């Protein structure tokens, strides 16, 4: 089962762990932080680094490296090209909206976090990623991100973090989709799906609801 078809003219994507796949970067940096898990996902790394670290400094250090050096290992998310093709064929404008502060913690060098992400997108901006600099938006806080989504009047927004889509100020006119690789699933009040499934849902020729 998938959501009912709707009129989509503007679609928004979160950046980190949605549009940008850091899987290889997690695997590369995990040993530097003493993590030996066979599949060092974001959840595994964050949980381990937060053990006995009241100030959350180890996780902050990991993120500072991930969102700068880690972009060397990053890849467009699986089936992103399929989603972009579906949007192009349906004349859907695509934008990116990210809750990413301008700089990381002072303790770890106050590294520029936005510039590297923007340059990574633009360097990948072939027909697979039709995002121009003007279509990439950053917000300092979660509240500002939700407000930006409302201002942009997005019909659909895809994010890997459910709490973003369930924010109290989430615009009622924006259909939120939790990015989760796999088939459509409706659970805990949200629709979950990967880009392949969303692309199929957006395709004008797909009238099936099953």
N, C-alpha and C. Protein backbone atom coordinates (compact mmCIF):
# COMPACT_ATOMS: atom_id res chain seq x y z
N UNK A 1 0.85 -1.20 0.00
CA UNK A 1 0.00 0.00 0.00
C UNK A 1 0.88 1.24 0.00
N UNK A 2 0.42 2.29 -0.66
CA UNK A 2 1.15 3.55 -0.67
C UNK A 2 0.17 4.69 -0.44
N UNK A 3 0.66 5.91 -0.17
CA UNK A 3 -0.26 7.03 0.08
C UNK A 3 -1.08 7.36 -1.17
N UNK A 4 -2.22 7.98 -1.00
CA UNK A 4 -2.99 8.43 -2.17
C UNK A 4 -2.17 9.41 -2.99
N UNK A 5 -2.34 9.39 -4.29
CA UNK A 5 -1.65 10.34 -5.16
C UNK A 5 -2.12 11.75 -4.84
N UNK A 6 -1.21 12.71 -4.97
CA UNK A 6 -1.57 14.11 -4.75
C UNK A 6 -0.83 14.99 -5.74
N UNK A 7 -1.26 16.22 -5.85
CA UNK A 7 -0.62 17.16 -6.77
C UNK A 7 0.66 17.68 -6.14
N UNK A 8 1.79 17.37 -6.75
CA UNK A 8 3.09 17.77 -6.20
C UNK A 8 3.78 18.68 -7.20
N UNK A 9 4.07 19.89 -6.78
CA UNK A 9 4.80 20.85 -7.62
C UNK A 9 6.17 21.18 -7.05
N UNK A 10 6.31 21.10 -5.72
CA UNK A 10 7.60 21.40 -5.09
C UNK A 10 7.89 20.33 -4.05
N UNK A 11 9.07 19.74 -4.15
CA UNK A 11 9.48 18.68 -3.25
C UNK A 11 10.78 19.07 -2.56
N UNK A 12 10.84 18.85 -1.26
CA UNK A 12 12.03 19.18 -0.50
C UNK A 12 12.70 17.95 0.07
N UNK A 13 14.04 18.04 0.18
CA UNK A 13 14.83 16.94 0.72
C UNK A 13 15.73 17.44 1.84
N UNK A 14 15.81 16.68 2.90
CA UNK A 14 16.83 16.91 3.92
C UNK A 14 18.18 16.51 3.31
N UNK A 15 19.27 17.00 3.89
CA UNK A 15 20.59 16.67 3.36
C UNK A 15 21.22 15.45 4.03
N UNK A 16 21.71 15.62 5.25
CA UNK A 16 22.50 14.58 5.90
C UNK A 16 21.68 13.33 6.19
N UNK A 17 22.16 12.20 5.69
CA UNK A 17 21.55 10.89 5.88
C UNK A 17 20.20 10.75 5.17
N UNK A 18 19.90 11.69 4.29
CA UNK A 18 18.73 11.59 3.42
C UNK A 18 19.25 11.68 1.99
N UNK A 19 19.48 12.88 1.51
CA UNK A 19 20.06 13.04 0.18
C UNK A 19 21.50 12.53 0.14
N UNK A 20 22.26 12.82 1.21
CA UNK A 20 23.67 12.40 1.28
C UNK A 20 23.79 11.12 2.10
N UNK A 21 24.36 10.09 1.51
CA UNK A 21 24.56 8.81 2.18
C UNK A 21 25.99 8.76 2.73
N UNK A 22 26.11 8.69 4.05
CA UNK A 22 27.42 8.69 4.72
C UNK A 22 27.86 7.28 5.14
N UNK A 23 27.27 6.26 4.61
CA UNK A 23 27.57 4.89 5.06
C UNK A 23 29.06 4.59 5.04
N UNK A 24 29.73 4.91 3.94
CA UNK A 24 31.17 4.64 3.83
C UNK A 24 31.97 5.48 4.80
N UNK A 25 31.52 6.71 5.06
CA UNK A 25 32.22 7.58 6.00
C UNK A 25 32.09 7.05 7.42
N UNK A 26 30.91 6.55 7.80
CA UNK A 26 30.74 5.96 9.13
C UNK A 26 31.73 4.81 9.31
N UNK A 27 31.82 3.96 8.30
CA UNK A 27 32.73 2.81 8.39
C UNK A 27 34.19 3.26 8.46
N UNK A 28 34.53 4.34 7.76
CA UNK A 28 35.91 4.82 7.73
C UNK A 28 36.34 5.42 9.06
N UNK A 29 35.48 6.22 9.68
CA UNK A 29 35.86 6.94 10.90
C UNK A 29 35.62 6.15 12.19
N UNK A 30 34.75 5.17 12.16
CA UNK A 30 34.40 4.44 13.38
C UNK A 30 35.62 3.90 14.13
N UNK A 31 36.59 3.24 13.45
CA UNK A 31 37.76 2.72 14.19
C UNK A 31 38.56 3.80 14.89
N UNK A 32 38.59 5.03 14.33
CA UNK A 32 39.32 6.12 14.97
C UNK A 32 38.73 6.46 16.34
N UNK A 33 37.49 6.08 16.56
CA UNK A 33 36.82 6.38 17.82
C UNK A 33 36.62 5.11 18.66
N UNK A 34 37.36 4.07 18.30
CA UNK A 34 37.32 2.83 19.07
C UNK A 34 36.10 1.97 18.86
N UNK A 35 35.39 2.19 17.75
CA UNK A 35 34.18 1.43 17.47
C UNK A 35 34.50 0.33 16.46
N UNK A 36 34.26 -0.90 16.83
CA UNK A 36 34.62 -2.05 16.00
C UNK A 36 33.41 -2.79 15.44
N UNK A 37 32.24 -2.22 15.54
CA UNK A 37 31.03 -2.88 15.04
C UNK A 37 31.16 -3.18 13.56
N UNK A 38 30.62 -4.32 13.13
CA UNK A 38 30.69 -4.71 11.73
C UNK A 38 29.88 -3.77 10.85
N UNK A 39 28.79 -3.25 11.38
CA UNK A 39 27.95 -2.33 10.63
C UNK A 39 27.78 -1.05 11.45
N UNK A 40 28.79 -0.15 11.40
CA UNK A 40 28.74 1.05 12.25
C UNK A 40 27.80 2.12 11.70
N UNK A 41 26.52 1.95 11.95
CA UNK A 41 25.53 2.93 11.51
C UNK A 41 25.57 4.16 12.40
N UNK A 42 24.85 5.18 12.00
CA UNK A 42 24.77 6.40 12.80
C UNK A 42 24.27 6.10 14.20
N UNK A 43 23.25 5.25 14.31
CA UNK A 43 22.65 4.95 15.60
C UNK A 43 23.64 4.21 16.50
N UNK A 44 24.37 3.25 15.92
CA UNK A 44 25.35 2.48 16.69
C UNK A 44 26.46 3.39 17.20
N UNK A 45 26.99 4.24 16.32
CA UNK A 45 28.10 5.12 16.69
C UNK A 45 27.66 6.14 17.74
N UNK A 46 26.53 6.76 17.52
CA UNK A 46 26.05 7.77 18.46
C UNK A 46 25.83 7.17 19.84
N UNK A 47 25.20 5.99 19.90
CA UNK A 47 24.94 5.33 21.18
C UNK A 47 26.24 5.03 21.92
N UNK A 48 27.23 4.49 21.20
CA UNK A 48 28.49 4.12 21.85
C UNK A 48 29.26 5.34 22.31
N UNK A 49 29.28 6.39 21.50
CA UNK A 49 30.06 7.57 21.86
C UNK A 49 29.42 8.36 22.99
N UNK A 50 28.14 8.18 23.19
CA UNK A 50 27.47 8.91 24.26
C UNK A 50 27.54 8.19 25.60
N UNK A 51 28.05 6.99 25.61
CA UNK A 51 28.19 6.25 26.87
C UNK A 51 29.24 6.96 27.74
N UNK A 52 28.89 7.25 28.96
CA UNK A 52 29.79 7.88 29.92
C UNK A 52 30.38 9.19 29.39
N UNK A 53 29.60 9.93 28.60
CA UNK A 53 30.07 11.22 28.08
C UNK A 53 28.94 12.23 28.27
N UNK A 54 28.88 12.78 29.47
CA UNK A 54 27.78 13.67 29.83
C UNK A 54 27.71 14.91 28.95
N UNK A 55 28.86 15.36 28.43
CA UNK A 55 28.90 16.58 27.64
C UNK A 55 28.77 16.32 26.14
N UNK A 56 28.64 15.06 25.77
CA UNK A 56 28.38 14.68 24.38
C UNK A 56 29.53 15.11 23.44
N UNK A 57 30.73 15.25 23.98
CA UNK A 57 31.83 15.80 23.19
C UNK A 57 32.33 14.83 22.13
N UNK A 58 32.36 13.55 22.43
CA UNK A 58 32.89 12.58 21.45
C UNK A 58 31.98 12.51 20.22
N UNK A 59 30.67 12.55 20.46
CA UNK A 59 29.73 12.52 19.32
C UNK A 59 29.83 13.81 18.52
N UNK A 60 30.02 14.94 19.20
CA UNK A 60 30.19 16.20 18.50
C UNK A 60 31.47 16.20 17.65
N UNK A 61 32.54 15.63 18.20
CA UNK A 61 33.78 15.54 17.44
C UNK A 61 33.60 14.66 16.20
N UNK A 62 32.89 13.55 16.38
CA UNK A 62 32.65 12.65 15.25
C UNK A 62 31.86 13.38 14.17
N UNK A 63 30.83 14.11 14.54
CA UNK A 63 30.02 14.82 13.57
C UNK A 63 30.84 15.90 12.85
N UNK A 64 31.72 16.58 13.59
CA UNK A 64 32.55 17.60 12.96
C UNK A 64 33.41 17.01 11.84
N UNK A 65 33.93 15.83 12.07
CA UNK A 65 34.74 15.17 11.04
C UNK A 65 33.86 14.61 9.92
N UNK A 66 32.72 14.03 10.32
CA UNK A 66 31.83 13.41 9.34
C UNK A 66 31.35 14.41 8.29
N UNK A 67 30.90 15.58 8.75
CA UNK A 67 30.28 16.55 7.85
C UNK A 67 31.29 17.45 7.13
N UNK A 68 32.59 17.15 7.30
CA UNK A 68 33.63 17.88 6.58
C UNK A 68 34.49 16.86 5.81
N UNK A 69 35.41 16.21 6.51
CA UNK A 69 36.25 15.18 5.88
C UNK A 69 35.40 14.05 5.30
N UNK A 70 34.33 13.72 6.00
CA UNK A 70 33.51 12.58 5.61
C UNK A 70 32.85 12.71 4.25
N UNK A 71 32.75 13.93 3.75
CA UNK A 71 32.12 14.12 2.44
C UNK A 71 32.96 13.52 1.31
N UNK A 72 34.24 13.25 1.58
CA UNK A 72 35.07 12.59 0.57
C UNK A 72 34.58 11.17 0.31
N UNK A 73 33.91 10.58 1.30
CA UNK A 73 33.44 9.21 1.18
C UNK A 73 31.94 9.14 0.90
N UNK A 74 31.26 10.28 0.96
CA UNK A 74 29.80 10.30 0.81
C UNK A 74 29.37 10.01 -0.62
N UNK A 75 28.15 9.50 -0.74
CA UNK A 75 27.56 9.18 -2.03
C UNK A 75 26.12 9.67 -2.06
N UNK A 76 25.58 9.96 -3.24
CA UNK A 76 24.14 10.23 -3.31
C UNK A 76 23.38 9.01 -2.79
N UNK A 77 22.31 9.25 -2.10
CA UNK A 77 21.53 8.15 -1.51
C UNK A 77 21.04 7.19 -2.58
N UNK A 78 20.89 5.92 -2.24
CA UNK A 78 20.39 4.93 -3.19
C UNK A 78 19.07 5.35 -3.82
N UNK A 79 18.99 5.20 -5.14
CA UNK A 79 17.78 5.50 -5.93
C UNK A 79 17.48 7.00 -6.00
N UNK A 80 18.43 7.85 -5.56
CA UNK A 80 18.21 9.28 -5.67
C UNK A 80 18.06 9.70 -7.13
N UNK A 81 18.86 9.10 -8.01
CA UNK A 81 18.76 9.44 -9.44
C UNK A 81 17.39 9.09 -9.99
N UNK A 82 16.80 8.01 -9.51
CA UNK A 82 15.47 7.62 -9.94
C UNK A 82 14.43 8.65 -9.48
N UNK A 83 14.60 9.13 -8.26
CA UNK A 83 13.68 10.15 -7.75
C UNK A 83 13.81 11.44 -8.55
N UNK A 84 15.05 11.85 -8.84
CA UNK A 84 15.27 13.07 -9.60
C UNK A 84 14.67 12.97 -11.01
N UNK A 85 14.80 11.81 -11.62
CA UNK A 85 14.23 11.59 -12.95
C UNK A 85 12.71 11.71 -12.90
N UNK A 86 12.10 11.11 -11.88
CA UNK A 86 10.64 11.17 -11.73
C UNK A 86 10.18 12.62 -11.54
N UNK A 87 10.95 13.39 -10.76
CA UNK A 87 10.59 14.79 -10.53
C UNK A 87 10.71 15.58 -11.83
N UNK A 88 11.76 15.34 -12.59
CA UNK A 88 11.96 16.05 -13.85
C UNK A 88 10.83 15.75 -14.82
N UNK A 89 10.44 14.49 -14.91
CA UNK A 89 9.38 14.09 -15.83
C UNK A 89 8.03 14.65 -15.43
N UNK A 90 7.84 14.89 -14.13
CA UNK A 90 6.57 15.43 -13.64
C UNK A 90 6.63 16.93 -13.42
N UNK A 91 7.73 17.58 -13.86
CA UNK A 91 7.92 19.03 -13.69
C UNK A 91 7.82 19.46 -12.24
N UNK A 92 8.42 18.68 -11.35
CA UNK A 92 8.44 18.98 -9.93
C UNK A 92 9.76 19.66 -9.57
N UNK A 93 9.69 20.83 -8.96
CA UNK A 93 10.89 21.53 -8.52
C UNK A 93 11.42 20.88 -7.24
N UNK A 94 12.73 20.70 -7.17
CA UNK A 94 13.36 20.06 -6.01
C UNK A 94 14.23 21.08 -5.29
N UNK A 95 14.10 21.14 -3.96
CA UNK A 95 14.96 21.99 -3.14
C UNK A 95 15.48 21.16 -1.97
N UNK A 96 16.54 21.66 -1.33
CA UNK A 96 17.09 21.01 -0.15
C UNK A 96 16.97 21.96 1.03
N UNK A 97 16.57 21.43 2.19
CA UNK A 97 16.48 22.22 3.42
C UNK A 97 17.14 21.42 4.53
N UNK A 98 18.16 22.01 5.15
CA UNK A 98 18.93 21.29 6.16
C UNK A 98 19.03 22.07 7.45
N UNK A 99 18.87 21.35 8.57
CA UNK A 99 19.15 21.91 9.89
C UNK A 99 20.64 21.69 10.15
N UNK A 100 21.44 22.63 9.71
CA UNK A 100 22.88 22.52 9.85
C UNK A 100 23.44 23.89 10.23
N UNK A 101 24.05 23.98 11.40
CA UNK A 101 24.63 25.25 11.82
C UNK A 101 25.77 25.64 10.88
N UNK A 102 26.08 26.92 10.87
CA UNK A 102 27.13 27.41 9.97
C UNK A 102 28.48 26.82 10.32
N UNK A 103 28.74 26.65 11.61
CA UNK A 103 30.02 26.10 12.04
C UNK A 103 29.83 25.08 13.15
N UNK A 104 30.78 24.17 13.24
CA UNK A 104 30.76 23.17 14.28
C UNK A 104 31.23 23.74 15.61
N UNK A 105 31.31 22.88 16.65
CA UNK A 105 31.71 23.35 17.98
C UNK A 105 33.11 23.98 17.98
N UNK A 106 33.26 25.03 18.77
CA UNK A 106 34.57 25.70 18.91
C UNK A 106 35.63 24.71 19.37
N UNK A 107 35.24 23.78 20.23
CA UNK A 107 36.18 22.81 20.79
C UNK A 107 36.89 22.00 19.72
N UNK A 108 36.22 21.83 18.57
CA UNK A 108 36.80 21.02 17.50
C UNK A 108 37.10 21.84 16.25
N UNK A 109 37.43 23.10 16.47
CA UNK A 109 37.91 23.94 15.38
C UNK A 109 36.89 24.83 14.72
N UNK A 110 35.66 24.81 15.19
CA UNK A 110 34.60 25.64 14.59
C UNK A 110 34.60 25.52 13.06
N UNK A 111 34.63 24.28 12.59
CA UNK A 111 34.74 24.01 11.15
C UNK A 111 33.50 24.46 10.39
N UNK A 112 33.70 24.96 9.18
CA UNK A 112 32.59 25.32 8.30
C UNK A 112 31.83 24.05 7.93
N UNK A 113 30.56 23.98 8.25
CA UNK A 113 29.76 22.79 7.96
C UNK A 113 28.90 22.96 6.71
N UNK A 114 28.53 24.20 6.41
CA UNK A 114 27.62 24.41 5.28
C UNK A 114 28.36 24.42 3.94
N UNK A 115 29.49 25.10 3.89
CA UNK A 115 30.23 25.21 2.64
C UNK A 115 30.57 23.87 2.02
N UNK A 116 31.17 22.94 2.77
CA UNK A 116 31.51 21.63 2.20
C UNK A 116 30.29 20.87 1.69
N UNK A 117 29.17 20.94 2.42
CA UNK A 117 27.96 20.25 1.98
C UNK A 117 27.44 20.85 0.69
N UNK A 118 27.43 22.17 0.61
CA UNK A 118 26.96 22.85 -0.59
C UNK A 118 27.85 22.52 -1.79
N UNK A 119 29.16 22.54 -1.59
CA UNK A 119 30.08 22.23 -2.68
C UNK A 119 29.95 20.77 -3.13
N UNK A 120 29.70 19.88 -2.18
CA UNK A 120 29.49 18.47 -2.54
C UNK A 120 28.28 18.32 -3.44
N UNK A 121 27.20 19.01 -3.09
CA UNK A 121 25.98 18.94 -3.90
C UNK A 121 26.23 19.50 -5.29
N UNK A 122 26.86 20.67 -5.35
CA UNK A 122 27.09 21.31 -6.64
C UNK A 122 28.05 20.49 -7.51
N UNK A 123 29.01 19.83 -6.88
CA UNK A 123 29.93 18.98 -7.64
C UNK A 123 29.22 17.75 -8.18
N UNK A 124 28.13 17.38 -7.54
CA UNK A 124 27.34 16.22 -7.98
C UNK A 124 26.16 16.63 -8.84
N UNK A 125 26.06 17.92 -9.13
CA UNK A 125 24.85 18.45 -9.78
C UNK A 125 24.85 18.20 -11.28
N UNK A 126 24.78 16.94 -11.62
CA UNK A 126 24.53 16.55 -13.00
C UNK A 126 23.02 16.43 -13.14
N UNK A 127 22.58 15.66 -14.12
CA UNK A 127 21.13 15.43 -14.23
C UNK A 127 20.60 14.63 -13.05
N UNK A 128 21.50 14.06 -12.24
CA UNK A 128 21.05 13.29 -11.07
C UNK A 128 20.62 14.21 -9.93
N UNK A 129 21.26 15.39 -9.82
CA UNK A 129 20.98 16.29 -8.71
C UNK A 129 20.74 17.70 -9.24
N UNK A 130 19.54 17.99 -9.69
CA UNK A 130 19.26 19.31 -10.28
C UNK A 130 19.07 20.39 -9.21
N UNK A 131 20.08 20.53 -8.34
CA UNK A 131 20.00 21.53 -7.28
C UNK A 131 21.02 22.64 -7.55
N UNK A 132 20.54 23.85 -7.66
CA UNK A 132 21.42 25.01 -7.80
C UNK A 132 21.67 25.59 -6.41
N UNK A 133 22.62 26.50 -6.31
CA UNK A 133 22.95 27.11 -5.02
C UNK A 133 21.71 27.78 -4.41
N UNK A 134 20.87 28.35 -5.27
CA UNK A 134 19.68 29.06 -4.78
C UNK A 134 18.63 28.10 -4.21
N UNK A 135 18.75 26.83 -4.53
CA UNK A 135 17.77 25.85 -4.06
C UNK A 135 18.25 25.08 -2.84
N UNK A 136 19.36 25.51 -2.27
CA UNK A 136 19.89 24.85 -1.07
C UNK A 136 19.72 25.82 0.10
N UNK A 137 18.98 25.38 1.11
CA UNK A 137 18.65 26.24 2.25
C UNK A 137 19.15 25.61 3.55
N UNK A 138 19.74 26.45 4.41
CA UNK A 138 20.22 25.99 5.71
C UNK A 138 19.50 26.73 6.82
N UNK A 139 19.33 26.04 7.95
CA UNK A 139 18.69 26.64 9.12
C UNK A 139 19.51 26.32 10.36
N UNK A 140 19.59 27.27 11.28
CA UNK A 140 20.38 27.08 12.50
C UNK A 140 19.69 26.17 13.51
N UNK A 141 18.37 26.14 13.49
CA UNK A 141 17.61 25.37 14.47
C UNK A 141 16.54 24.53 13.77
N UNK A 142 16.02 23.57 14.50
CA UNK A 142 14.94 22.75 13.97
C UNK A 142 13.72 23.61 13.68
N UNK A 143 13.43 24.54 14.58
CA UNK A 143 12.27 25.42 14.39
C UNK A 143 12.42 26.25 13.13
N UNK A 144 13.63 26.74 12.88
CA UNK A 144 13.87 27.54 11.67
C UNK A 144 13.76 26.68 10.41
N UNK A 145 14.15 25.43 10.52
CA UNK A 145 14.02 24.52 9.37
C UNK A 145 12.56 24.30 9.02
N UNK A 146 11.75 24.03 10.03
CA UNK A 146 10.32 23.82 9.81
C UNK A 146 9.68 25.08 9.23
N UNK A 147 10.09 26.23 9.74
CA UNK A 147 9.56 27.50 9.22
C UNK A 147 9.95 27.68 7.75
N UNK A 148 11.19 27.31 7.40
CA UNK A 148 11.64 27.45 6.01
C UNK A 148 10.84 26.54 5.09
N UNK A 149 10.53 25.35 5.54
CA UNK A 149 9.72 24.42 4.75
C UNK A 149 8.34 25.04 4.50
N UNK A 150 7.79 25.72 5.51
CA UNK A 150 6.49 26.38 5.36
C UNK A 150 6.58 27.54 4.39
N UNK A 151 7.63 28.36 4.52
CA UNK A 151 7.80 29.53 3.65
C UNK A 151 7.95 29.11 2.19
N UNK A 152 8.64 28.01 1.96
CA UNK A 152 8.87 27.52 0.60
C UNK A 152 7.62 26.87 -0.01
N UNK A 153 6.62 26.66 0.82
CA UNK A 153 5.35 26.06 0.38
C UNK A 153 5.58 24.73 -0.35
N UNK A 154 6.31 23.87 0.33
CA UNK A 154 6.62 22.56 -0.26
C UNK A 154 5.41 21.64 -0.14
N UNK A 155 5.16 20.91 -1.19
CA UNK A 155 4.05 19.94 -1.18
C UNK A 155 4.46 18.65 -0.48
N UNK A 156 5.73 18.29 -0.63
CA UNK A 156 6.27 17.07 -0.02
C UNK A 156 7.64 17.38 0.55
N UNK A 157 7.94 16.81 1.73
CA UNK A 157 9.28 16.91 2.27
C UNK A 157 9.70 15.55 2.80
N UNK A 158 10.95 15.17 2.50
CA UNK A 158 11.48 13.86 2.88
C UNK A 158 12.63 14.05 3.85
N UNK A 159 12.56 13.38 4.99
CA UNK A 159 13.58 13.56 6.03
C UNK A 159 13.83 12.22 6.73
N UNK A 160 15.07 11.99 7.16
CA UNK A 160 15.39 10.73 7.83
C UNK A 160 15.04 10.75 9.31
N UNK A 161 14.67 11.91 9.85
CA UNK A 161 14.36 12.02 11.27
C UNK A 161 12.86 12.23 11.47
N UNK A 162 12.17 11.26 12.05
CA UNK A 162 10.73 11.38 12.25
C UNK A 162 10.32 12.60 13.06
N UNK A 163 11.13 13.00 14.05
CA UNK A 163 10.70 14.12 14.91
C UNK A 163 10.64 15.44 14.14
N UNK A 164 11.35 15.53 13.03
CA UNK A 164 11.23 16.73 12.20
C UNK A 164 9.83 16.81 11.61
N UNK A 165 9.38 15.69 11.05
CA UNK A 165 8.07 15.63 10.39
C UNK A 165 6.92 15.72 11.39
N UNK A 166 7.20 15.43 12.66
CA UNK A 166 6.16 15.45 13.68
C UNK A 166 6.25 16.70 14.55
N UNK A 167 7.01 17.69 14.11
CA UNK A 167 7.15 18.93 14.87
C UNK A 167 5.79 19.61 15.02
N UNK A 168 5.60 20.25 16.16
CA UNK A 168 4.31 20.89 16.46
C UNK A 168 3.92 21.94 15.44
N UNK A 169 4.91 22.58 14.81
CA UNK A 169 4.62 23.64 13.84
C UNK A 169 4.71 23.18 12.40
N UNK A 170 4.72 21.87 12.19
CA UNK A 170 4.81 21.35 10.83
C UNK A 170 3.64 21.85 9.98
N UNK A 171 3.91 22.40 8.79
CA UNK A 171 2.82 22.95 7.96
C UNK A 171 1.87 21.85 7.48
N UNK A 172 0.60 22.06 7.69
CA UNK A 172 -0.40 21.05 7.33
C UNK A 172 -0.47 20.80 5.83
N UNK A 173 0.00 21.77 5.04
CA UNK A 173 -0.06 21.62 3.58
C UNK A 173 1.12 20.83 3.02
N UNK A 174 2.08 20.45 3.87
CA UNK A 174 3.25 19.69 3.42
C UNK A 174 3.14 18.24 3.87
N UNK A 175 3.19 17.33 2.91
CA UNK A 175 3.11 15.90 3.20
C UNK A 175 4.52 15.41 3.54
N UNK A 176 4.70 14.97 4.78
CA UNK A 176 6.00 14.50 5.22
C UNK A 176 6.19 13.01 4.98
N UNK A 177 7.36 12.65 4.49
CA UNK A 177 7.71 11.25 4.27
C UNK A 177 9.01 10.96 5.02
N UNK A 178 8.97 9.94 5.86
CA UNK A 178 10.18 9.54 6.59
C UNK A 178 11.04 8.68 5.66
N UNK A 179 12.27 9.16 5.40
CA UNK A 179 13.17 8.42 4.51
C UNK A 179 13.68 7.18 5.23
N UNK A 180 13.30 6.04 4.68
CA UNK A 180 13.70 4.75 5.24
C UNK A 180 13.71 3.76 4.09
N UNK A 181 14.86 3.25 3.75
CA UNK A 181 14.95 2.36 2.60
C UNK A 181 14.04 1.15 2.76
N UNK A 182 13.28 0.89 1.71
CA UNK A 182 12.35 -0.23 1.77
C UNK A 182 10.99 0.17 1.24
N UNK A 183 10.04 -0.76 1.27
CA UNK A 183 8.70 -0.48 0.74
C UNK A 183 7.93 0.50 1.61
N UNK A 184 6.83 1.01 1.05
CA UNK A 184 5.97 1.91 1.81
C UNK A 184 5.47 1.23 3.08
N UNK A 185 5.48 2.00 4.15
CA UNK A 185 4.98 1.51 5.43
C UNK A 185 4.35 2.68 6.16
N UNK A 186 3.14 2.47 6.68
CA UNK A 186 2.51 3.50 7.50
C UNK A 186 2.58 3.04 8.94
N UNK A 187 3.29 3.82 9.77
CA UNK A 187 3.48 3.42 11.16
C UNK A 187 3.69 4.66 12.01
N UNK A 188 3.13 4.67 13.20
CA UNK A 188 3.28 5.78 14.16
C UNK A 188 2.90 7.12 13.54
N UNK A 189 1.88 7.09 12.70
CA UNK A 189 1.36 8.34 12.14
C UNK A 189 2.14 8.89 10.97
N UNK A 190 3.12 8.14 10.46
CA UNK A 190 3.95 8.62 9.36
C UNK A 190 4.04 7.58 8.24
N UNK A 191 4.21 8.08 7.02
CA UNK A 191 4.53 7.21 5.90
C UNK A 191 6.05 7.12 5.79
N UNK A 192 6.55 5.89 5.63
CA UNK A 192 7.98 5.62 5.52
C UNK A 192 8.24 4.96 4.17
N UNK A 193 9.33 5.36 3.51
CA UNK A 193 9.66 4.74 2.22
C UNK A 193 11.05 5.18 1.77
N UNK A 194 11.61 4.43 0.82
CA UNK A 194 12.86 4.80 0.19
C UNK A 194 12.60 5.62 -1.06
N UNK A 195 13.66 6.13 -1.67
CA UNK A 195 13.51 6.98 -2.85
C UNK A 195 12.92 6.23 -4.04
N UNK A 196 13.22 4.97 -4.16
CA UNK A 196 12.66 4.20 -5.28
C UNK A 196 11.14 4.19 -5.21
N UNK A 197 10.62 3.98 -4.01
CA UNK A 197 9.16 3.93 -3.83
C UNK A 197 8.53 5.31 -4.04
N UNK A 198 9.20 6.36 -3.56
CA UNK A 198 8.66 7.71 -3.75
C UNK A 198 8.66 8.08 -5.22
N UNK A 199 9.71 7.69 -5.95
CA UNK A 199 9.77 7.97 -7.38
C UNK A 199 8.62 7.32 -8.12
N UNK A 200 8.33 6.10 -7.76
CA UNK A 200 7.22 5.38 -8.40
C UNK A 200 5.88 6.05 -8.08
N UNK A 201 5.75 6.53 -6.86
CA UNK A 201 4.53 7.21 -6.41
C UNK A 201 4.32 8.52 -7.16
N UNK A 202 5.43 9.23 -7.47
CA UNK A 202 5.33 10.50 -8.15
C UNK A 202 5.12 10.37 -9.65
N UNK A 203 5.48 9.23 -10.21
CA UNK A 203 5.40 9.04 -11.65
C UNK A 203 3.98 9.24 -12.15
N UNK A 204 3.76 10.11 -13.14
CA UNK A 204 2.41 10.39 -13.66
C UNK A 204 1.67 9.17 -14.18
N UNK A 205 2.42 8.19 -14.67
CA UNK A 205 1.79 7.01 -15.27
C UNK A 205 1.40 5.96 -14.25
N UNK A 206 1.78 6.16 -13.01
CA UNK A 206 1.48 5.15 -11.99
C UNK A 206 0.19 5.49 -11.28
N UNK A 207 -0.86 4.78 -11.62
CA UNK A 207 -2.14 5.04 -10.99
C UNK A 207 -2.50 4.04 -9.93
N UNK A 208 -1.67 3.02 -9.76
CA UNK A 208 -1.98 1.97 -8.80
C UNK A 208 -1.77 2.45 -7.38
N UNK A 209 -2.56 1.99 -6.48
CA UNK A 209 -2.44 2.31 -5.06
C UNK A 209 -1.90 1.11 -4.28
N UNK A 210 -1.58 0.05 -4.96
CA UNK A 210 -1.11 -1.15 -4.27
C UNK A 210 0.38 -1.39 -4.53
